[in-house]
Amino acid sequence: MKHNPGKKDSHEYLTGNSGGDFPSDTGLSPGRAAGEASPWFVTRDGIRFFRGKTSFNQVFYVPEYHFDDIGKDDVVVDIGANAGAFCIRASRFSNHVIAVEPLIPEILAGNIALNRSRVVVLDCALGDGSMKEVSWDGLKKPMRTATLKSIIDRAGGCDFLKCDCEGAEWFIRPEDLDGIRRIEMELHIPPICGPPNPALLDYMSRRYEFQLDHVPAHGSMGLMGYLHAERVGNRT
């Protein structure tokens, strides 16, 4: 499979924590005239994000994901949407984008509105349907999780799945991927989560052509790599 990711110029997007001053060499444009306080900034590809110091990281760029093949009529589900870096860009390709974000849905919704993007926000977390403490980068929230099937049902389907949910991907039941044409997924390993789900890996290896971009330097922190997968025909 061959797909071109979003532009990877490290100076095109702002990365890391939103707290503190924004460096002058990131290629970001202020939201107001020079000298005036601006509540938001603009990336070189025209995405706006609200400023604000937070104790946690907000993600503003997604060069690791490939999504230039999203179709206008594709239903796109973004699990682990964070501040909206993927779903807002995906909405430039599709009119049917659903963003799942359990911990900072208000920030996400604000950025979506700022960009006037057609994205629906679901305030929930991927899981097995049980109560769990959902956590990320110091944020914690007890809530009842939702299976991928239930999320897809609420979304009205799913053609393109992006998933970055700190290990909760292993709760996905293989059959819940039926009908999904494309997957972009961050895969995690201990210590950030439990061991990978062999049944899920077996299902994807038999039904998808895929590429896995390993991230060896982050293995000790629980990141295996980035999966880029495309369903092949009626493979079983």
C-alpha atoms as a PDB file:
ATOM      1  CA  MET A   1       0.000   0.000   0.000  1.00  0.00           C
ATOM      2  CA  LYS A   2       1.226   3.477  -0.817  1.00  0.00           C
ATOM      3  CA  HIS A   3      -0.110   6.608   0.807  1.00  0.00           C
ATOM      4  CA  ASN A   4       1.463   9.966   1.381  1.00  0.00           C
ATOM      5  CA  PRO A   5       1.213  11.270   4.945  1.00  0.00           C
ATOM      6  CA  GLY A   6       0.588  14.872   5.824  1.00  0.00           C
ATOM      7  CA  LYS A   7       3.608  17.118   5.303  1.00  0.00           C
ATOM      8  CA  LYS A   8       6.405  16.266   7.706  1.00  0.00           C
ATOM      9  CA  ASP A   9       8.248  19.567   7.781  1.00  0.00           C
ATOM     10  CA  SER A  10       9.070  19.909  11.479  1.00  0.00           C
ATOM     11  CA  HIS A  11       8.712  23.665  11.195  1.00  0.00           C
ATOM     12  CA  GLU A  12       5.231  23.520   9.754  1.00  0.00           C
ATOM     13  CA  TYR A  13       3.393  22.624  12.927  1.00  0.00           C
ATOM     14  CA  LEU A  14       3.718  23.393  16.593  1.00  0.00           C
ATOM     15  CA  THR A  15       4.342  20.349  18.718  1.00  0.00           C
ATOM     16  CA  GLY A  16       4.401  19.550  22.404  1.00  0.00           C
ATOM     17  CA  ASN A  17       2.821  21.265  25.380  1.00  0.00           C
ATOM     18  CA  SER A  18       0.697  24.314  24.731  1.00  0.00           C
ATOM     19  CA  GLY A  19       1.966  26.042  27.824  1.00  0.00           C
ATOM     20  CA  GLY A  20       4.548  28.805  27.712  1.00  0.00           C
ATOM     21  CA  ASP A  21       5.529  31.051  24.819  1.00  0.00           C
ATOM     22  CA  PHE A  22       5.286  29.881  21.231  1.00  0.00           C
ATOM     23  CA  PRO A  23       8.687  29.975  19.494  1.00  0.00           C
ATOM     24  CA  SER A  24       9.042  32.385  16.607  1.00  0.00           C
ATOM     25  CA  ASP A  25      10.416  29.825  14.141  1.00  0.00           C
ATOM     26  CA  THR A  26       7.496  27.379  14.067  1.00  0.00           C
ATOM     27  CA  GLY A  27       5.832  28.915  11.027  1.00  0.00           C
ATOM     28  CA  LEU A  28       2.722  29.810  13.032  1.00  0.00           C
ATOM     29  CA  SER A  29       0.745  32.942  12.339  1.00  0.00           C
ATOM     30  CA  PRO A  30      -0.789  34.985  15.147  1.00  0.00           C
ATOM     31  CA  GLY A  31      -4.548  35.282  15.327  1.00  0.00           C
ATOM     32  CA  ARG A  32      -4.471  39.100  15.489  1.00  0.00           C
ATOM     33  CA  ALA A  33      -2.307  41.996  14.444  1.00  0.00           C
ATOM     34  CA  ALA A  34       1.224  42.203  15.816  1.00  0.00           C
ATOM     35  CA  GLY A  35       1.317  43.504  19.350  1.00  0.00           C
ATOM     36  CA  GLU A  36      -2.197  42.401  20.231  1.00  0.00           C
ATOM     37  CA  ALA A  37      -2.972  39.470  22.464  1.00  0.00           C
ATOM     38  CA  SER A  38      -4.232  36.546  20.377  1.00  0.00           C
ATOM     39  CA  PRO A  39      -6.349  33.704  21.738  1.00  0.00           C
ATOM     40  CA  TRP A  40      -5.315  31.377  18.915  1.00  0.00           C
ATOM     41  CA  PHE A  41      -2.561  30.609  16.418  1.00  0.00           C
ATOM     42  CA  VAL A  42      -2.538  29.254  12.864  1.00  0.00           C
ATOM     43  CA  THR A  43      -0.390  26.465  11.404  1.00  0.00           C
ATOM     44  CA  ARG A  44       1.070  26.885   7.933  1.00  0.00           C
ATOM     45  CA  ASP A  45      -1.557  24.548   6.535  1.00  0.00           C
ATOM     46  CA  GLY A  46      -4.246  26.850   7.899  1.00  0.00           C
ATOM     47  CA  ILE A  47      -5.463  25.045  11.041  1.00  0.00           C
ATOM     48  CA  ARG A  48      -6.331  27.223  14.014  1.00  0.00           C
ATOM     49  CA  PHE A  49      -5.841  26.175  17.621  1.00  0.00           C
ATOM     50  CA  PHE A  50      -6.681  28.054  20.781  1.00  0.00           C
ATOM     51  CA  ARG A  51      -3.756  29.012  22.956  1.00  0.00           C
ATOM     52  CA  GLY A  52      -3.707  28.240  26.646  1.00  0.00           C
ATOM     53  CA  LYS A  53      -1.316  26.916  29.244  1.00  0.00           C
ATOM     54  CA  THR A  54      -2.201  23.392  30.323  1.00  0.00           C
ATOM     55  CA  SER A  55      -0.612  20.759  32.531  1.00  0.00           C
ATOM     56  CA  PHE A  56      -0.918  18.221  29.701  1.00  0.00           C
ATOM     57  CA  ASN A  57       0.209  18.004  26.106  1.00  0.00           C
ATOM     58  CA  GLN A  58      -2.063  19.077  23.287  1.00  0.00           C
ATOM     59  CA  VAL A  59      -1.331  17.555  19.898  1.00  0.00           C
ATOM     60  CA  PHE A  60      -1.363  20.030  17.019  1.00  0.00           C
ATOM     61  CA  TYR A  61       0.226  18.008  14.219  1.00  0.00           C
ATOM     62  CA  VAL A  62      -0.080  14.439  12.938  1.00  0.00           C
ATOM     63  CA  PRO A  63       2.742  13.709  10.445  1.00  0.00           C
ATOM     64  CA  GLU A  64       2.777  10.053  11.492  1.00  0.00           C
ATOM     65  CA  TYR A  65      -0.650   9.354   9.969  1.00  0.00           C
ATOM     66  CA  HIS A  66      -1.452   8.790   6.288  1.00  0.00           C
ATOM     67  CA  PHE A  67      -4.838  10.158   5.275  1.00  0.00           C
ATOM     68  CA  ASP A  68      -4.668  11.681   1.819  1.00  0.00           C
ATOM     69  CA  ASP A  69      -6.874   8.838   0.520  1.00  0.00           C
ATOM     70  CA  ILE A  70      -9.921   9.812   2.597  1.00  0.00           C
ATOM     71  CA  GLY A  71     -12.931  10.153   0.300  1.00  0.00           C
ATOM     72  CA  LYS A  72     -15.631  12.811   0.467  1.00  0.00           C
ATOM     73  CA  ASP A  73     -18.288  10.268   1.422  1.00  0.00           C
ATOM     74  CA  ASP A  74     -16.102   8.275   3.828  1.00  0.00           C
ATOM     75  CA  VAL A  75     -17.238   8.084   7.436  1.00  0.00           C
ATOM     76  CA  VAL A  76     -14.103   8.874   9.417  1.00  0.00           C
ATOM     77  CA  VAL A  77     -13.851   7.960  13.106  1.00  0.00           C
ATOM     78  CA  ASP A  78     -11.015   9.557  15.087  1.00  0.00           C
ATOM     79  CA  ILE A  79     -10.550   7.778  18.422  1.00  0.00           C
ATOM     80  CA  GLY A  80      -8.330   9.738  20.776  1.00  0.00           C
ATOM     81  CA  ALA A  81      -8.881  13.059  19.026  1.00  0.00           C
ATOM     82  CA  ASN A  82      -7.093  15.191  21.640  1.00  0.00           C
ATOM     83  CA  ALA A  83      -7.153  18.857  20.500  1.00  0.00           C
ATOM     84  CA  GLY A  84      -8.323  17.986  16.988  1.00  0.00           C
ATOM     85  CA  ALA A  85      -5.124  17.760  14.940  1.00  0.00           C
ATOM     86  CA  PHE A  86      -6.314  14.772  12.914  1.00  0.00           C
ATOM     87  CA  CYS A  87     -10.085  15.195  12.776  1.00  0.00           C
ATOM     88  CA  ILE A  88      -9.969  18.853  11.708  1.00  0.00           C
ATOM     89  CA  ARG A  89      -7.586  18.015   8.863  1.00  0.00           C
ATOM     90  CA  ALA A  90      -9.645  14.939   7.943  1.00  0.00           C
ATOM     91  CA  SER A  91     -12.734  17.147   7.637  1.00  0.00           C
ATOM     92  CA  ARG A  92     -11.070  18.827   4.661  1.00  0.00           C
ATOM     93  CA  PHE A  93     -11.480  15.524   2.799  1.00  0.00           C
ATOM     94  CA  SER A  94     -14.725  14.121   4.229  1.00  0.00           C
ATOM     95  CA  ASN A  95     -18.059  15.587   5.257  1.00  0.00           C
ATOM     96  CA  HIS A  96     -18.599  12.819   7.817  1.00  0.00           C
ATOM     97  CA  VAL A  97     -16.009  12.977  10.610  1.00  0.00           C
ATOM     98  CA  ILE A  98     -16.637  11.807  14.178  1.00  0.00           C
ATOM     99  CA  ALA A  99     -14.112  12.598  16.922  1.00  0.00           C
ATOM    100  CA  VAL A 100     -13.965  10.531  20.120  1.00  0.00           C
ATOM    101  CA  GLU A 101     -12.315  12.287  23.053  1.00  0.00           C
ATOM    102  CA  PRO A 102     -12.991  11.470  26.731  1.00  0.00           C
ATOM    103  CA  LEU A 103     -10.616  13.812  28.577  1.00  0.00           C
ATOM    104  CA  ILE A 104     -10.565  17.202  26.845  1.00  0.00           C
ATOM    105  CA  PRO A 105     -13.772  17.298  24.751  1.00  0.00           C
ATOM    106  CA  GLU A 106     -14.331  20.990  25.502  1.00  0.00           C
ATOM    107  CA  ILE A 107     -10.922  21.979  24.100  1.00  0.00           C
ATOM    108  CA  LEU A 108     -11.545  19.757  21.083  1.00  0.00           C
ATOM    109  CA  ALA A 109     -14.992  21.236  20.447  1.00  0.00           C
ATOM    110  CA  GLY A 110     -13.586  24.755  20.744  1.00  0.00           C
ATOM    111  CA  ASN A 111     -10.927  24.088  18.103  1.00  0.00           C
ATOM    112  CA  ILE A 112     -13.473  22.469  15.799  1.00  0.00           C
ATOM    113  CA  ALA A 113     -15.739  25.503  16.076  1.00  0.00           C
ATOM    114  CA  LEU A 114     -12.781  27.843  15.562  1.00  0.00           C
ATOM    115  CA  ASN A 115     -12.050  26.129  12.236  1.00  0.00           C
ATOM    116  CA  ARG A 116     -15.741  25.858  11.308  1.00  0.00           C
ATOM    117  CA  SER A 117     -15.133  22.184  10.673  1.00  0.00           C
ATOM    118  CA  ARG A 118     -17.904  19.646  10.200  1.00  0.00           C
ATOM    119  CA  VAL A 119     -16.911  17.276  12.996  1.00  0.00           C
ATOM    120  CA  VAL A 120     -19.156  15.593  15.566  1.00  0.00           C
ATOM    121  CA  VAL A 121     -17.635  15.072  19.033  1.00  0.00           C
ATOM    122  CA  LEU A 122     -18.413  11.985  21.125  1.00  0.00           C
ATOM    123  CA  ASP A 123     -17.422  12.327  24.782  1.00  0.00           C
ATOM    124  CA  CYS A 124     -16.527   8.701  25.418  1.00  0.00           C
ATOM    125  CA  ALA A 125     -13.578   6.302  25.586  1.00  0.00           C
ATOM    126  CA  LEU A 126     -12.830   3.098  23.701  1.00  0.00           C
ATOM    127  CA  GLY A 127     -12.912  -0.025  25.848  1.00  0.00           C
ATOM    128  CA  ASP A 128     -14.907  -3.160  26.579  1.00  0.00           C
ATOM    129  CA  GLY A 129     -18.019  -1.392  27.859  1.00  0.00           C
ATOM    130  CA  SER A 130     -17.061  -1.562  31.541  1.00  0.00           C
ATOM    131  CA  MET A 131     -16.272   1.213  34.003  1.00  0.00           C
ATOM    132  CA  LYS A 132     -12.622   2.218  33.894  1.00  0.00           C
ATOM    133  CA  GLU A 133     -10.389   5.096  34.931  1.00  0.00           C
ATOM    134  CA  VAL A 134      -9.353   6.670  31.657  1.00  0.00           C
ATOM    135  CA  SER A 135      -6.015   8.460  31.945  1.00  0.00           C
ATOM    136  CA  TRP A 136      -3.506  10.268  29.787  1.00  0.00           C
ATOM    137  CA  ASP A 137      -0.608  12.608  30.580  1.00  0.00           C
ATOM    138  CA  GLY A 138      -1.726  13.203  34.155  1.00  0.00           C
ATOM    139  CA  LEU A 139      -5.443  13.557  33.370  1.00  0.00           C
ATOM    140  CA  LYS A 140      -7.779  10.971  34.906  1.00  0.00           C
ATOM    141  CA  LYS A 141     -11.512  10.417  34.578  1.00  0.00           C
ATOM    142  CA  PRO A 142     -13.652   7.457  35.662  1.00  0.00           C
ATOM    143  CA  MET A 143     -16.233   6.586  33.018  1.00  0.00           C
ATOM    144  CA  ARG A 144     -18.027   3.745  31.322  1.00  0.00           C
ATOM    145  CA  THR A 145     -16.116   2.828  28.199  1.00  0.00           C
ATOM    146  CA  ALA A 146     -17.641   2.038  24.809  1.00  0.00           C
ATOM    147  CA  THR A 147     -16.872  -0.832  22.459  1.00  0.00           C
ATOM    148  CA  LEU A 148     -15.758   0.003  18.946  1.00  0.00           C
ATOM    149  CA  LYS A 149     -19.031  -1.429  17.640  1.00  0.00           C
ATOM    150  CA  SER A 150     -21.077   0.924  19.804  1.00  0.00           C
ATOM    151  CA  ILE A 151     -18.970   3.897  18.673  1.00  0.00           C
ATOM    152  CA  ILE A 152     -19.400   2.915  15.025  1.00  0.00           C
ATOM    153  CA  ASP A 153     -23.138   2.517  15.544  1.00  0.00           C
ATOM    154  CA  ARG A 154     -23.315   6.046  16.973  1.00  0.00           C
ATOM    155  CA  ALA A 155     -21.196   7.342  14.099  1.00  0.00           C
ATOM    156  CA  GLY A 156     -23.404   5.741  11.486  1.00  0.00           C
ATOM    157  CA  GLY A 157     -20.632   3.513  10.169  1.00  0.00           C
ATOM    158  CA  CYS A 158     -16.884   3.695   9.640  1.00  0.00           C
ATOM    159  CA  ASP A 159     -14.816   3.596   6.464  1.00  0.00           C
ATOM    160  CA  PHE A 160     -11.626   5.118   7.865  1.00  0.00           C
ATOM    161  CA  LEU A 161     -10.508   4.538  11.456  1.00  0.00           C
ATOM    162  CA  LYS A 162      -7.785   6.541  13.177  1.00  0.00           C
ATOM    163  CA  CYS A 163      -7.027   5.270  16.664  1.00  0.00           C
ATOM    164  CA  ASP A 164      -4.634   6.554  19.321  1.00  0.00           C
ATOM    165  CA  CYS A 165      -5.954   5.565  22.724  1.00  0.00           C
ATOM    166  CA  GLU A 166      -2.989   4.515  24.869  1.00  0.00           C
ATOM    167  CA  GLY A 167      -3.484   0.756  24.690  1.00  0.00           C
ATOM    168  CA  ALA A 168      -7.281   0.602  24.607  1.00  0.00           C
ATOM    169  CA  GLU A 169      -6.967  -0.551  20.977  1.00  0.00           C
ATOM    170  CA  TRP A 170      -6.449  -4.076  22.326  1.00  0.00           C
ATOM    171  CA  PHE A 171     -10.072  -4.078  23.540  1.00  0.00           C
ATOM    172  CA  ILE A 172     -11.228  -3.990  19.915  1.00  0.00           C
ATOM    173  CA  ARG A 173     -13.034  -7.181  18.945  1.00  0.00           C
ATOM    174  CA  PRO A 174     -11.810  -8.369  15.534  1.00  0.00           C
ATOM    175  CA  GLU A 175     -15.315  -8.558  14.086  1.00  0.00           C
ATOM    176  CA  ASP A 176     -15.852  -4.873  14.926  1.00  0.00           C
ATOM    177  CA  LEU A 177     -13.406  -4.032  12.132  1.00  0.00           C
ATOM    178  CA  ASP A 178     -15.696  -5.608   9.513  1.00  0.00           C
ATOM    179  CA  GLY A 179     -16.453  -3.019   6.842  1.00  0.00           C
ATOM    180  CA  ILE A 180     -13.591  -0.679   7.743  1.00  0.00           C
ATOM    181  CA  ARG A 181     -11.542   0.029   4.614  1.00  0.00           C
ATOM    182  CA  ARG A 182      -8.588   1.877   6.147  1.00  0.00           C
ATOM    183  CA  ILE A 183      -6.935   1.932   9.560  1.00  0.00           C
ATOM    184  CA  GLU A 184      -4.372   4.347  10.955  1.00  0.00           C
ATOM    185  CA  MET A 185      -3.517   3.213  14.479  1.00  0.00           C
ATOM    186  CA  GLU A 186      -0.911   3.858  17.134  1.00  0.00           C
ATOM    187  CA  LEU A 187      -0.054   0.514  18.726  1.00  0.00           C
ATOM    188  CA  HIS A 188       0.998   0.280  22.364  1.00  0.00           C
ATOM    189  CA  ILE A 189       2.723  -2.310  24.520  1.00  0.00           C
ATOM    190  CA  PRO A 190       3.552  -2.626  28.232  1.00  0.00           C
ATOM    191  CA  PRO A 191       4.174  -0.742  30.431  1.00  0.00           C
ATOM    192  CA  ILE A 192       1.522   1.654  29.123  1.00  0.00           C
ATOM    193  CA  CYS A 193      -1.060  -1.122  28.732  1.00  0.00           C
ATOM    194  CA  GLY A 194      -1.501  -4.872  28.758  1.00  0.00           C
ATOM    195  CA  PRO A 195      -0.054  -7.201  26.122  1.00  0.00           C
ATOM    196  CA  PRO A 196      -1.280  -7.033  22.509  1.00  0.00           C
ATOM    197  CA  ASN A 197      -4.413  -8.967  21.547  1.00  0.00           C
ATOM    198  CA  PRO A 198      -3.280 -11.900  19.341  1.00  0.00           C
ATOM    199  CA  ALA A 199      -6.771 -12.374  17.870  1.00  0.00           C
ATOM    200  CA  LEU A 200      -6.881  -8.761  16.704  1.00  0.00           C
ATOM    201  CA  LEU A 201      -3.406  -8.950  15.182  1.00  0.00           C
ATOM    202  CA  ASP A 202      -4.288 -12.199  13.422  1.00  0.00           C
ATOM    203  CA  TYR A 203      -7.493 -10.693  12.004  1.00  0.00           C
ATOM    204  CA  MET A 204      -5.702  -7.637  10.639  1.00  0.00           C
ATOM    205  CA  SER A 205      -2.818  -9.652   9.175  1.00  0.00           C
ATOM    206  CA  ARG A 206      -5.279 -11.865   7.255  1.00  0.00           C
ATOM    207  CA  ARG A 207      -7.639  -9.165   5.996  1.00  0.00           C
ATOM    208  CA  TYR A 208      -5.440  -6.117   5.490  1.00  0.00           C
ATOM    209  CA  GLU A 209      -2.313  -5.145   3.669  1.00  0.00           C
ATOM    210  CA  PHE A 210      -0.364  -3.149   6.203  1.00  0.00           C
ATOM    211  CA  GLN A 211       2.821  -1.340   7.051  1.00  0.00           C
ATOM    212  CA  LEU A 212       4.079  -0.883  10.594  1.00  0.00           C
ATOM    213  CA  ASP A 213       6.396   2.026  11.286  1.00  0.00           C
ATOM    214  CA  HIS A 214       8.310   0.939  14.365  1.00  0.00           C
ATOM    215  CA  VAL A 215       9.453   3.522  16.892  1.00  0.00           C
ATOM    216  CA  PRO A 216      12.302   1.704  18.713  1.00  0.00           C
ATOM    217  CA  ALA A 217      13.327   4.707  20.800  1.00  0.00           C
ATOM    218  CA  HIS A 218       9.891   4.793  22.417  1.00  0.00           C
ATOM    219  CA  GLY A 219       9.545   1.074  23.085  1.00  0.00           C
ATOM    220  CA  SER A 220      10.441   1.457  26.744  1.00  0.00           C
ATOM    221  CA  MET A 221       7.609   3.996  27.080  1.00  0.00           C
ATOM    222  CA  GLY A 222       5.027   1.624  25.624  1.00  0.00           C
ATOM    223  CA  LEU A 223       4.814   2.705  21.976  1.00  0.00           C
ATOM    224  CA  MET A 224       5.243  -0.105  19.448  1.00  0.00           C
ATOM    225  CA  GLY A 225       4.685   1.939  16.308  1.00  0.00           C
ATOM    226  CA  TYR A 226       2.174   3.234  13.772  1.00  0.00           C
ATOM    227  CA  LEU A 227       0.004   0.875  11.758  1.00  0.00           C
ATOM    228  CA  HIS A 228      -1.152   1.836   8.242  1.00  0.00           C
ATOM    229  CA  ALA A 229      -3.610  -0.773   6.958  1.00  0.00           C
ATOM    230  CA  GLU A 230      -5.903  -1.174   3.954  1.00  0.00           C
ATOM    231  CA  ARG A 231      -8.489  -3.911   3.582  1.00  0.00           C
ATOM    232  CA  VAL A 232      -7.927  -6.235   0.640  1.00  0.00           C
ATOM    233  CA  GLY A 233     -11.022  -7.471  -1.233  1.00  0.00           C
ATOM    234  CA  ASN A 234     -12.940 -10.270   0.470  1.00  0.00           C
ATOM    235  CA  ARG A 235      -9.943 -11.725   2.191  1.00  0.00           C
ATOM    236  CA  THR A 236     -10.888 -14.061   5.124  1.00  0.00           C
END
